[in-house]
PDB file of N, CA and C in Angstrom:
ATOM      1  N   MET A   1      33.708   9.757 -38.166  1.00  0.00           N
ATOM      2  CA  MET A   1      33.118   9.008 -37.076  1.00  0.00           C
ATOM      3  C   MET A   1      32.731   9.942 -35.932  1.00  0.00           C
ATOM      4  N   LYS A   2      33.668  10.853 -35.578  1.00  0.00           N
ATOM      5  CA  LYS A   2      33.366  11.799 -34.513  1.00  0.00           C
ATOM      6  C   LYS A   2      32.209  12.689 -34.918  1.00  0.00           C
ATOM      7  N   ARG A   3      32.178  13.039 -36.169  1.00  0.00           N
ATOM      8  CA  ARG A   3      31.142  13.934 -36.657  1.00  0.00           C
ATOM      9  C   ARG A   3      29.760  13.260 -36.523  1.00  0.00           C
ATOM     10  N   ALA A   4      29.680  11.987 -36.848  1.00  0.00           N
ATOM     11  CA  ALA A   4      28.419  11.264 -36.747  1.00  0.00           C
ATOM     12  C   ALA A   4      27.983  11.151 -35.284  1.00  0.00           C
ATOM     13  N   PHE A   5      28.930  10.902 -34.418  1.00  0.00           N
ATOM     14  CA  PHE A   5      28.612  10.788 -32.996  1.00  0.00           C
ATOM     15  C   PHE A   5      28.103  12.117 -32.440  1.00  0.00           C
ATOM     16  N   ILE A   6      28.775  13.196 -32.801  1.00  0.00           N
ATOM     17  CA  ILE A   6      28.359  14.526 -32.330  1.00  0.00           C
ATOM     18  C   ILE A   6      26.991  14.867 -32.889  1.00  0.00           C
ATOM     19  N   SER A   7      26.747  14.548 -34.139  1.00  0.00           N
ATOM     20  CA  SER A   7      25.441  14.811 -34.745  1.00  0.00           C
ATOM     21  C   SER A   7      24.346  14.022 -34.032  1.00  0.00           C
ATOM     22  N   LEU A   8      24.638  12.777 -33.726  1.00  0.00           N
ATOM     23  CA  LEU A   8      23.674  11.940 -33.022  1.00  0.00           C
ATOM     24  C   LEU A   8      23.394  12.485 -31.616  1.00  0.00           C
ATOM     25  N   ALA A   9      24.410  12.925 -30.919  1.00  0.00           N
ATOM     26  CA  ALA A   9      24.239  13.488 -29.574  1.00  0.00           C
ATOM     27  C   ALA A   9      23.406  14.749 -29.614  1.00  0.00           C
ATOM     28  N   VAL A  10      23.681  15.631 -30.568  1.00  0.00           N
ATOM     29  CA  VAL A  10      22.927  16.887 -30.687  1.00  0.00           C
ATOM     30  C   VAL A  10      21.475  16.589 -31.033  1.00  0.00           C
ATOM     31  N   LEU A  11      21.266  15.654 -31.938  1.00  0.00           N
ATOM     32  CA  LEU A  11      19.910  15.302 -32.326  1.00  0.00           C
ATOM     33  C   LEU A  11      19.124  14.709 -31.158  1.00  0.00           C
ATOM     34  N   SER A  12      19.771  13.836 -30.378  1.00  0.00           N
ATOM     35  CA  SER A  12      19.071  13.242 -29.239  1.00  0.00           C
ATOM     36  C   SER A  12      18.735  14.293 -28.188  1.00  0.00           C
ATOM     37  N   LEU A  13      19.618  15.265 -27.990  1.00  0.00           N
ATOM     38  CA  LEU A  13      19.313  16.357 -27.069  1.00  0.00           C
ATOM     39  C   LEU A  13      18.172  17.212 -27.602  1.00  0.00           C
ATOM     40  N   ALA A  14      18.143  17.408 -28.896  1.00  0.00           N
ATOM     41  CA  ALA A  14      17.091  18.223 -29.491  1.00  0.00           C
ATOM     42  C   ALA A  14      15.719  17.594 -29.252  1.00  0.00           C
ATOM     43  N   PHE A  15      15.652  16.268 -29.222  1.00  0.00           N
ATOM     44  CA  PHE A  15      14.381  15.603 -28.967  1.00  0.00           C
ATOM     45  C   PHE A  15      14.101  15.439 -27.474  1.00  0.00           C
ATOM     46  N   ALA A  16      15.135  15.337 -26.683  1.00  0.00           N
ATOM     47  CA  ALA A  16      14.957  15.100 -25.249  1.00  0.00           C
ATOM     48  C   ALA A  16      14.518  16.357 -24.513  1.00  0.00           C
ATOM     49  N   VAL A  17      15.038  17.491 -24.876  1.00  0.00           N
ATOM     50  CA  VAL A  17      14.729  18.735 -24.158  1.00  0.00           C
ATOM     51  C   VAL A  17      13.240  19.054 -24.207  1.00  0.00           C
ATOM     52  N   PRO A  18      12.574  18.997 -25.361  1.00  0.00           N
ATOM     53  CA  PRO A  18      11.136  19.296 -25.359  1.00  0.00           C
ATOM     54  C   PRO A  18      10.320  18.306 -24.519  1.00  0.00           C
ATOM     55  N   VAL A  19      10.764  17.064 -24.449  1.00  0.00           N
ATOM     56  CA  VAL A  19      10.045  16.080 -23.646  1.00  0.00           C
ATOM     57  C   VAL A  19      10.099  16.458 -22.171  1.00  0.00           C
ATOM     58  N   PHE A  20      11.281  16.837 -21.701  1.00  0.00           N
ATOM     59  CA  PHE A  20      11.409  17.240 -20.299  1.00  0.00           C
ATOM     60  C   PHE A  20      10.714  18.569 -20.038  1.00  0.00           C
ATOM     61  N   ALA A  21      10.723  19.450 -21.010  1.00  0.00           N
ATOM     62  CA  ALA A  21      10.071  20.754 -20.838  1.00  0.00           C
ATOM     63  C   ALA A  21       8.560  20.587 -20.774  1.00  0.00           C
ATOM     64  N   ALA A  22       8.007  19.631 -21.491  1.00  0.00           N
ATOM     65  CA  ALA A  22       6.565  19.411 -21.486  1.00  0.00           C
ATOM     66  C   ALA A  22       6.079  18.962 -20.115  1.00  0.00           C
ATOM     67  N   ASP A  23       6.957  18.366 -19.325  1.00  0.00           N
ATOM     68  CA  ASP A  23       6.604  17.905 -17.990  1.00  0.00           C
ATOM     69  C   ASP A  23       6.350  19.076 -17.053  1.00  0.00           C
ATOM     70  N   GLY A  24       6.813  20.249 -17.412  1.00  0.00           N
ATOM     71  CA  GLY A  24       6.625  21.408 -16.553  1.00  0.00           C
ATOM     72  C   GLY A  24       7.766  21.577 -15.572  1.00  0.00           C
ATOM     73  N   GLY A  25       8.602  20.587 -15.435  1.00  0.00           N
ATOM     74  CA  GLY A  25       9.763  20.689 -14.565  1.00  0.00           C
ATOM     75  C   GLY A  25       9.443  20.642 -13.088  1.00  0.00           C
ATOM     76  N   GLN A  26       8.187  20.499 -12.747  1.00  0.00           N
ATOM     77  CA  GLN A  26       7.825  20.479 -11.337  1.00  0.00           C
ATOM     78  C   GLN A  26       7.309  19.090 -10.976  1.00  0.00           C
ATOM     79  N   PRO A  27       7.804  18.515  -9.895  1.00  0.00           N
ATOM     80  CA  PRO A  27       7.304  17.205  -9.476  1.00  0.00           C
ATOM     81  C   PRO A  27       5.870  17.325  -8.982  1.00  0.00           C
ATOM     82  N   GLN A  28       5.133  16.246  -9.143  1.00  0.00           N
ATOM     83  CA  GLN A  28       3.774  16.243  -8.642  1.00  0.00           C
ATOM     84  C   GLN A  28       3.799  16.237  -7.128  1.00  0.00           C
ATOM     85  N   GLN A  29       2.982  17.075  -6.555  1.00  0.00           N
ATOM     86  CA  GLN A  29       2.940  17.157  -5.104  1.00  0.00           C
ATOM     87  C   GLN A  29       1.712  16.426  -4.597  1.00  0.00           C
ATOM     88  N   ARG A  30       1.923  15.630  -3.579  1.00  0.00           N
ATOM     89  CA  ARG A  30       0.807  14.940  -2.956  1.00  0.00           C
ATOM     90  C   ARG A  30       0.227  15.854  -1.892  1.00  0.00           C
ATOM     91  N   GLN A  31      -1.057  15.785  -1.794  1.00  0.00           N
ATOM     92  CA  GLN A  31      -1.698  16.581  -0.764  1.00  0.00           C
ATOM     93  C   GLN A  31      -1.856  15.698   0.473  1.00  0.00           C
ATOM     94  N   ALA A  32      -1.118  16.028   1.487  1.00  0.00           N
ATOM     95  CA  ALA A  32      -1.144  15.238   2.711  1.00  0.00           C
ATOM     96  C   ALA A  32      -2.412  15.558   3.504  1.00  0.00           C
ATOM     97  N   PRO A  33      -3.038  14.523   4.078  1.00  0.00           N
ATOM     98  CA  PRO A  33      -4.210  14.794   4.912  1.00  0.00           C
ATOM     99  C   PRO A  33      -3.770  15.477   6.196  1.00  0.00           C
ATOM    100  N   ASN A  34      -4.706  16.156   6.780  1.00  0.00           N
ATOM    101  CA  ASN A  34      -4.340  16.822   8.025  1.00  0.00           C
ATOM    102  C   ASN A  34      -4.213  15.797   9.151  1.00  0.00           C
ATOM    103  N   PHE A  35      -3.723  16.239  10.257  1.00  0.00           N
ATOM    104  CA  PHE A  35      -3.439  15.354  11.388  1.00  0.00           C
ATOM    105  C   PHE A  35      -4.675  14.603  11.856  1.00  0.00           C
ATOM    106  N   GLU A  36      -5.799  15.285  11.968  1.00  0.00           N
ATOM    107  CA  GLU A  36      -7.006  14.661  12.487  1.00  0.00           C
ATOM    108  C   GLU A  36      -7.499  13.544  11.562  1.00  0.00           C
ATOM    109  N   GLN A  37      -7.391  13.759  10.243  1.00  0.00           N
ATOM    110  CA  GLN A  37      -7.814  12.724   9.302  1.00  0.00           C
ATOM    111  C   GLN A  37      -6.926  11.495   9.439  1.00  0.00           C
ATOM    112  N   ARG A  38      -5.622  11.702   9.472  1.00  0.00           N
ATOM    113  CA  ARG A  38      -4.681  10.583   9.573  1.00  0.00           C
ATOM    114  C   ARG A  38      -4.863   9.835  10.891  1.00  0.00           C
ATOM    115  N   GLN A  39      -5.064  10.598  11.971  1.00  0.00           N
ATOM    116  CA  GLN A  39      -5.273   9.990  13.276  1.00  0.00           C
ATOM    117  C   GLN A  39      -6.537   9.123  13.266  1.00  0.00           C
ATOM    118  N   ALA A  40      -7.606   9.622  12.660  1.00  0.00           N
ATOM    119  CA  ALA A  40      -8.857   8.871  12.586  1.00  0.00           C
ATOM    120  C   ALA A  40      -8.679   7.586  11.778  1.00  0.00           C
ATOM    121  N   GLU A  41      -7.922   7.667  10.676  1.00  0.00           N
ATOM    122  CA  GLU A  41      -7.682   6.481   9.852  1.00  0.00           C
ATOM    123  C   GLU A  41      -6.892   5.421  10.630  1.00  0.00           C
ATOM    124  N   ILE A  42      -5.871   5.853  11.342  1.00  0.00           N
ATOM    125  CA  ILE A  42      -5.051   4.915  12.121  1.00  0.00           C
ATOM    126  C   ILE A  42      -5.881   4.263  13.217  1.00  0.00           C
ATOM    127  N   LEU A  43      -6.696   5.049  13.906  1.00  0.00           N
ATOM    128  CA  LEU A  43      -7.545   4.491  14.967  1.00  0.00           C
ATOM    129  C   LEU A  43      -8.559   3.501  14.397  1.00  0.00           C
ATOM    130  N   LYS A  44      -9.082   3.785  13.212  1.00  0.00           N
ATOM    131  CA  LYS A  44     -10.025   2.877  12.566  1.00  0.00           C
ATOM    132  C   LYS A  44      -9.341   1.545  12.257  1.00  0.00           C
ATOM    133  N   ILE A  45      -8.118   1.596  11.747  1.00  0.00           N
ATOM    134  CA  ILE A  45      -7.355   0.380  11.444  1.00  0.00           C
ATOM    135  C   ILE A  45      -7.080  -0.402  12.723  1.00  0.00           C
ATOM    136  N   MET A  46      -6.696   0.317  13.776  1.00  0.00           N
ATOM    137  CA  MET A  46      -6.404  -0.353  15.047  1.00  0.00           C
ATOM    138  C   MET A  46      -7.652  -1.001  15.632  1.00  0.00           C
ATOM    139  N   ASP A  47      -8.798  -0.342  15.524  1.00  0.00           N
ATOM    140  CA  ASP A  47     -10.050  -0.920  16.022  1.00  0.00           C
ATOM    141  C   ASP A  47     -10.397  -2.199  15.264  1.00  0.00           C
ATOM    142  N   ALA A  48     -10.178  -2.177  13.953  1.00  0.00           N
ATOM    143  CA  ALA A  48     -10.461  -3.374  13.142  1.00  0.00           C
ATOM    144  C   ALA A  48      -9.533  -4.516  13.547  1.00  0.00           C
ATOM    145  N   ARG A  49      -8.260  -4.213  13.763  1.00  0.00           N
ATOM    146  CA  ARG A  49      -7.311  -5.248  14.187  1.00  0.00           C
ATOM    147  C   ARG A  49      -7.684  -5.797  15.558  1.00  0.00           C
ATOM    148  N   ALA A  50      -8.086  -4.906  16.474  1.00  0.00           N
ATOM    149  CA  ALA A  50      -8.473  -5.342  17.820  1.00  0.00           C
ATOM    150  C   ALA A  50      -9.710  -6.237  17.755  1.00  0.00           C
ATOM    151  N   ALA A  51     -10.646  -5.905  16.895  1.00  0.00           N
ATOM    152  CA  ALA A  51     -11.852  -6.719  16.749  1.00  0.00           C
ATOM    153  C   ALA A  51     -11.503  -8.098  16.200  1.00  0.00           C
ATOM    154  N   ASP A  52     -10.594  -8.144  15.225  1.00  0.00           N
ATOM    155  CA  ASP A  52     -10.162  -9.431  14.678  1.00  0.00           C
ATOM    156  C   ASP A  52      -9.500 -10.291  15.752  1.00  0.00           C
ATOM    157  N   LEU A  53      -8.643  -9.677  16.550  1.00  0.00           N
ATOM    158  CA  LEU A  53      -7.972 -10.424  17.619  1.00  0.00           C
ATOM    159  C   LEU A  53      -8.965 -10.890  18.682  1.00  0.00           C
ATOM    160  N   GLN A  54      -9.963 -10.074  18.963  1.00  0.00           N
ATOM    161  CA  GLN A  54     -10.978 -10.461  19.946  1.00  0.00           C
ATOM    162  C   GLN A  54     -11.778 -11.654  19.435  1.00  0.00           C
ATOM    163  N   ASP A  55     -12.090 -11.651  18.136  1.00  0.00           N
ATOM    164  CA  ASP A  55     -12.804 -12.789  17.552  1.00  0.00           C
ATOM    165  C   ASP A  55     -11.957 -14.058  17.664  1.00  0.00           C
ATOM    166  N   GLU A  56     -10.673 -13.936  17.365  1.00  0.00           N
ATOM    167  CA  GLU A  56      -9.795 -15.098  17.464  1.00  0.00           C
ATOM    168  C   GLU A  56      -9.696 -15.567  18.916  1.00  0.00           C
ATOM    169  N   ARG A  57      -9.621 -14.624  19.839  1.00  0.00           N
ATOM    170  CA  ARG A  57      -9.537 -14.971  21.257  1.00  0.00           C
ATOM    171  C   ARG A  57     -10.789 -15.730  21.709  1.00  0.00           C
ATOM    172  N   SER A  58     -11.949 -15.267  21.277  1.00  0.00           N
ATOM    173  CA  SER A  58     -13.202 -15.939  21.635  1.00  0.00           C
ATOM    174  C   SER A  58     -13.236 -17.357  21.081  1.00  0.00           C
ATOM    175  N   CYS A  59     -12.744 -17.505  19.863  1.00  0.00           N
ATOM    176  CA  CYS A  59     -12.691 -18.828  19.239  1.00  0.00           C
ATOM    177  C   CYS A  59     -11.785 -19.759  20.033  1.00  0.00           C
ATOM    178  N   VAL A  60     -10.614 -19.265  20.411  1.00  0.00           N
ATOM    179  CA  VAL A  60      -9.660 -20.086  21.163  1.00  0.00           C
ATOM    180  C   VAL A  60     -10.225 -20.449  22.533  1.00  0.00           C
ATOM    181  N   GLN A  61     -10.888 -19.502  23.184  1.00  0.00           N
ATOM    182  CA  GLN A  61     -11.464 -19.789  24.496  1.00  0.00           C
ATOM    183  C   GLN A  61     -12.571 -20.840  24.411  1.00  0.00           C
ATOM    184  N   ALA A  62     -13.296 -20.858  23.315  1.00  0.00           N
ATOM    185  CA  ALA A  62     -14.391 -21.815  23.155  1.00  0.00           C
ATOM    186  C   ALA A  62     -13.905 -23.177  22.675  1.00  0.00           C
ATOM    187  N   ALA A  63     -12.648 -23.289  22.304  1.00  0.00           N
ATOM    188  CA  ALA A  63     -12.110 -24.547  21.774  1.00  0.00           C
ATOM    189  C   ALA A  63     -12.137 -25.647  22.833  1.00  0.00           C
ATOM    190  N   LYS A  64     -12.451 -26.860  22.376  1.00  0.00           N
ATOM    191  CA  LYS A  64     -12.516 -28.009  23.281  1.00  0.00           C
ATOM    192  C   LYS A  64     -11.348 -28.977  23.077  1.00  0.00           C
ATOM    193  N   GLY A  65     -10.598 -28.761  22.010  1.00  0.00           N
ATOM    194  CA  GLY A  65      -9.486 -29.670  21.745  1.00  0.00           C
ATOM    195  C   GLY A  65      -8.555 -29.082  20.692  1.00  0.00           C
ATOM    196  N   HIS A  66      -7.538 -29.876  20.352  1.00  0.00           N
ATOM    197  CA  HIS A  66      -6.535 -29.413  19.393  1.00  0.00           C
ATOM    198  C   HIS A  66      -7.139 -29.111  18.026  1.00  0.00           C
ATOM    199  N   GLU A  67      -8.124 -29.912  17.626  1.00  0.00           N
ATOM    200  CA  GLU A  67      -8.752 -29.680  16.326  1.00  0.00           C
ATOM    201  C   GLU A  67      -9.448 -28.319  16.294  1.00  0.00           C
ATOM    202  N   ASP A  68     -10.095 -27.986  17.407  1.00  0.00           N
ATOM    203  CA  ASP A  68     -10.764 -26.688  17.490  1.00  0.00           C
ATOM    204  C   ASP A  68      -9.759 -25.540  17.442  1.00  0.00           C
ATOM    205  N   LEU A  69      -8.634 -25.721  18.140  1.00  0.00           N
ATOM    206  CA  LEU A  69      -7.596 -24.687  18.112  1.00  0.00           C
ATOM    207  C   LEU A  69      -7.054 -24.492  16.696  1.00  0.00           C
ATOM    208  N   LYS A  70      -6.853 -25.613  16.006  1.00  0.00           N
ATOM    209  CA  LYS A  70      -6.361 -25.534  14.634  1.00  0.00           C
ATOM    210  C   LYS A  70      -7.386 -24.838  13.739  1.00  0.00           C
ATOM    211  N   ALA A  71      -8.664 -25.132  13.966  1.00  0.00           N
ATOM    212  CA  ALA A  71      -9.723 -24.500  13.185  1.00  0.00           C
ATOM    213  C   ALA A  71      -9.735 -22.986  13.422  1.00  0.00           C
ATOM    214  N   CYS A  72      -9.509 -22.576  14.671  1.00  0.00           N
ATOM    215  CA  CYS A  72      -9.451 -21.139  14.985  1.00  0.00           C
ATOM    216  C   CYS A  72      -8.289 -20.474  14.251  1.00  0.00           C
ATOM    217  N   ARG A  73      -7.154 -21.137  14.307  1.00  0.00           N
ATOM    218  CA  ARG A  73      -5.970 -20.589  13.639  1.00  0.00           C
ATOM    219  C   ARG A  73      -6.179 -20.503  12.134  1.00  0.00           C
ATOM    220  N   ASP A  74      -6.725 -21.583  11.553  1.00  0.00           N
ATOM    221  CA  ASP A  74      -6.971 -21.584  10.110  1.00  0.00           C
ATOM    222  C   ASP A  74      -7.947 -20.474   9.710  1.00  0.00           C
ATOM    223  N   LYS A  75      -8.983 -20.295  10.533  1.00  0.00           N
ATOM    224  CA  LYS A  75      -9.974 -19.247  10.258  1.00  0.00           C
ATOM    225  C   LYS A  75      -9.313 -17.866  10.311  1.00  0.00           C
ATOM    226  N   HIS A  76      -8.487 -17.646  11.329  1.00  0.00           N
ATOM    227  CA  HIS A  76      -7.806 -16.359  11.477  1.00  0.00           C
ATOM    228  C   HIS A  76      -6.827 -16.120  10.326  1.00  0.00           C
ATOM    229  N   MET A  77      -6.074 -17.149   9.984  1.00  0.00           N
ATOM    230  CA  MET A  77      -5.100 -17.014   8.899  1.00  0.00           C
ATOM    231  C   MET A  77      -5.800 -16.737   7.567  1.00  0.00           C
ATOM    232  N   ALA A  78      -6.932 -17.377   7.332  1.00  0.00           N
ATOM    233  CA  ALA A  78      -7.684 -17.144   6.094  1.00  0.00           C
ATOM    234  C   ALA A  78      -8.187 -15.698   6.034  1.00  0.00           C
ATOM    235  N   ALA A  79      -8.659 -15.196   7.165  1.00  0.00           N
ATOM    236  CA  ALA A  79      -9.126 -13.810   7.202  1.00  0.00           C
ATOM    237  C   ALA A  79      -7.976 -12.838   6.944  1.00  0.00           C
ATOM    238  N   MET A  80      -6.814 -13.131   7.528  1.00  0.00           N
ATOM    239  CA  MET A  80      -5.658 -12.257   7.326  1.00  0.00           C
ATOM    240  C   MET A  80      -5.188 -12.308   5.873  1.00  0.00           C
ATOM    241  N   GLU A  81      -5.205 -13.478   5.272  1.00  0.00           N
ATOM    242  CA  GLU A  81      -4.800 -13.615   3.868  1.00  0.00           C
ATOM    243  C   GLU A  81      -5.748 -12.844   2.961  1.00  0.00           C
ATOM    244  N   LYS A  82      -7.034 -12.881   3.284  1.00  0.00           N
ATOM    245  CA  LYS A  82      -8.012 -12.126   2.501  1.00  0.00           C
ATOM    246  C   LYS A  82      -7.703 -10.628   2.577  1.00  0.00           C
ATOM    247  N   LYS A  83      -7.387 -10.159   3.770  1.00  0.00           N
ATOM    248  CA  LYS A  83      -7.057  -8.737   3.927  1.00  0.00           C
ATOM    249  C   LYS A  83      -5.785  -8.387   3.171  1.00  0.00           C
ATOM    250  N   ARG A  84      -4.787  -9.274   3.201  1.00  0.00           N
ATOM    251  CA  ARG A  84      -3.545  -9.032   2.460  1.00  0.00           C
ATOM    252  C   ARG A  84      -3.810  -8.927   0.969  1.00  0.00           C
ATOM    253  N   SER A  85      -4.644  -9.829   0.455  1.00  0.00           N
ATOM    254  CA  SER A  85      -4.931  -9.798  -0.980  1.00  0.00           C
ATOM    255  C   SER A  85      -5.708  -8.542  -1.344  1.00  0.00           C
ATOM    256  N   GLU A  86      -6.586  -8.084  -0.465  1.00  0.00           N
ATOM    257  CA  GLU A  86      -7.312  -6.831  -0.718  1.00  0.00           C
ATOM    258  C   GLU A  86      -6.340  -5.654  -0.758  1.00  0.00           C
ATOM    259  N   MET A  87      -5.355  -5.675   0.141  1.00  0.00           N
ATOM    260  CA  MET A  87      -4.366  -4.598   0.149  1.00  0.00           C
ATOM    261  C   MET A  87      -3.537  -4.622  -1.127  1.00  0.00           C
ATOM    262  N   LYS A  88      -3.182  -5.815  -1.589  1.00  0.00           N
ATOM    263  CA  LYS A  88      -2.407  -5.923  -2.821  1.00  0.00           C
ATOM    264  C   LYS A  88      -3.202  -5.391  -4.003  1.00  0.00           C
ATOM    265  N   GLU A  89      -4.511  -5.671  -4.024  1.00  0.00           N
ATOM    266  CA  GLU A  89      -5.360  -5.177  -5.106  1.00  0.00           C
ATOM    267  C   GLU A  89      -5.421  -3.655  -5.098  1.00  0.00           C
ATOM    268  N   ARG A  90      -5.458  -3.080  -3.895  1.00  0.00           N
ATOM    269  CA  ARG A  90      -5.475  -1.622  -3.783  1.00  0.00           C
ATOM    270  C   ARG A  90      -4.097  -1.042  -4.019  1.00  0.00           C
ATOM    271  N   GLY A  91      -3.086  -1.883  -3.873  1.00  0.00           N
ATOM    272  CA  GLY A  91      -1.724  -1.408  -4.087  1.00  0.00           C
ATOM    273  C   GLY A  91      -1.099  -0.791  -2.857  1.00  0.00           C
ATOM    274  N   THR A  92      -1.615  -1.052  -1.669  1.00  0.00           N
ATOM    275  CA  THR A  92      -1.045  -0.458  -0.465  1.00  0.00           C
ATOM    276  C   THR A  92       0.042  -1.300   0.131  1.00  0.00           C
ATOM    277  N   GLY A  93      -0.099  -2.570   0.202  1.00  0.00           N
ATOM    278  CA  GLY A  93       0.943  -3.476   0.598  1.00  0.00           C
ATOM    279  C   GLY A  93       1.491  -3.395   1.971  1.00  0.00           C
ATOM    280  N   GLY A  94       1.849  -2.286   2.540  1.00  0.00           N
ATOM    281  CA  GLY A  94       2.608  -2.226   3.763  1.00  0.00           C
ATOM    282  C   GLY A  94       1.889  -2.543   5.023  1.00  0.00           C
ATOM    283  N   GLY A  95       0.674  -3.011   4.965  1.00  0.00           N
ATOM    284  CA  GLY A  95      -0.009  -3.358   6.174  1.00  0.00           C
ATOM    285  C   GLY A  95      -0.907  -2.264   6.687  1.00  0.00           C
ATOM    286  N   GLN A  96      -0.712  -1.082   6.203  1.00  0.00           N
ATOM    287  CA  GLN A  96      -1.569   0.027   6.579  1.00  0.00           C
ATOM    288  C   GLN A  96      -2.088   0.673   5.319  1.00  0.00           C
ATOM    289  N   THR A  97      -3.276   1.231   5.406  1.00  0.00           N
ATOM    290  CA  THR A  97      -3.803   1.933   4.258  1.00  0.00           C
ATOM    291  C   THR A  97      -3.161   3.307   4.183  1.00  0.00           C
ATOM    292  N   PRO A  98      -2.862   3.797   2.981  1.00  0.00           N
ATOM    293  CA  PRO A  98      -2.235   5.102   2.862  1.00  0.00           C
ATOM    294  C   PRO A  98      -3.231   6.189   3.206  1.00  0.00           C
ATOM    295  N   PRO A  99      -2.757   7.360   3.535  1.00  0.00           N
ATOM    296  CA  PRO A  99      -3.671   8.459   3.824  1.00  0.00           C
ATOM    297  C   PRO A  99      -4.509   8.769   2.593  1.00  0.00           C
ATOM    298  N   GLN A 100      -5.754   9.141   2.802  1.00  0.00           N
ATOM    299  CA  GLN A 100      -6.634   9.494   1.690  1.00  0.00           C
ATOM    300  C   GLN A 100      -6.095  10.722   1.012  1.00  0.00           C
ATOM    301  N   GLY A 101      -6.259  10.799  -0.298  1.00  0.00           N
ATOM    302  CA  GLY A 101      -5.772  11.954  -1.055  1.00  0.00           C
ATOM    303  C   GLY A 101      -4.418  11.732  -1.651  1.00  0.00           C
ATOM    304  N   GLN A 102      -3.841  10.563  -1.477  1.00  0.00           N
ATOM    305  CA  GLN A 102      -2.533  10.297  -2.091  1.00  0.00           C
ATOM    306  C   GLN A 102      -2.695   9.379  -3.265  1.00  0.00           C
TER     307      GLN A 102
END
């Protein structure tokens, strides 16, 4: 029984070592964008968010009653949901787009 177990362990190591060696042993490195690129991306995201909020603000200011306010909210929520689904499709999820090159 011990002999079979030892044989199985040696055999599994014999197959596992070449698999790990084929990987090169080095983790993949991401190339981080430089500071100016990341800063520009963040500012672009912030400008888009500010524009969305300004649109919602204009809608609320133009509202004449509760129904109009609800319509503004529904419109804003629908736009935000669309953006969330786009992020999920891209796989970014966290509310911000990842730096380019990753």
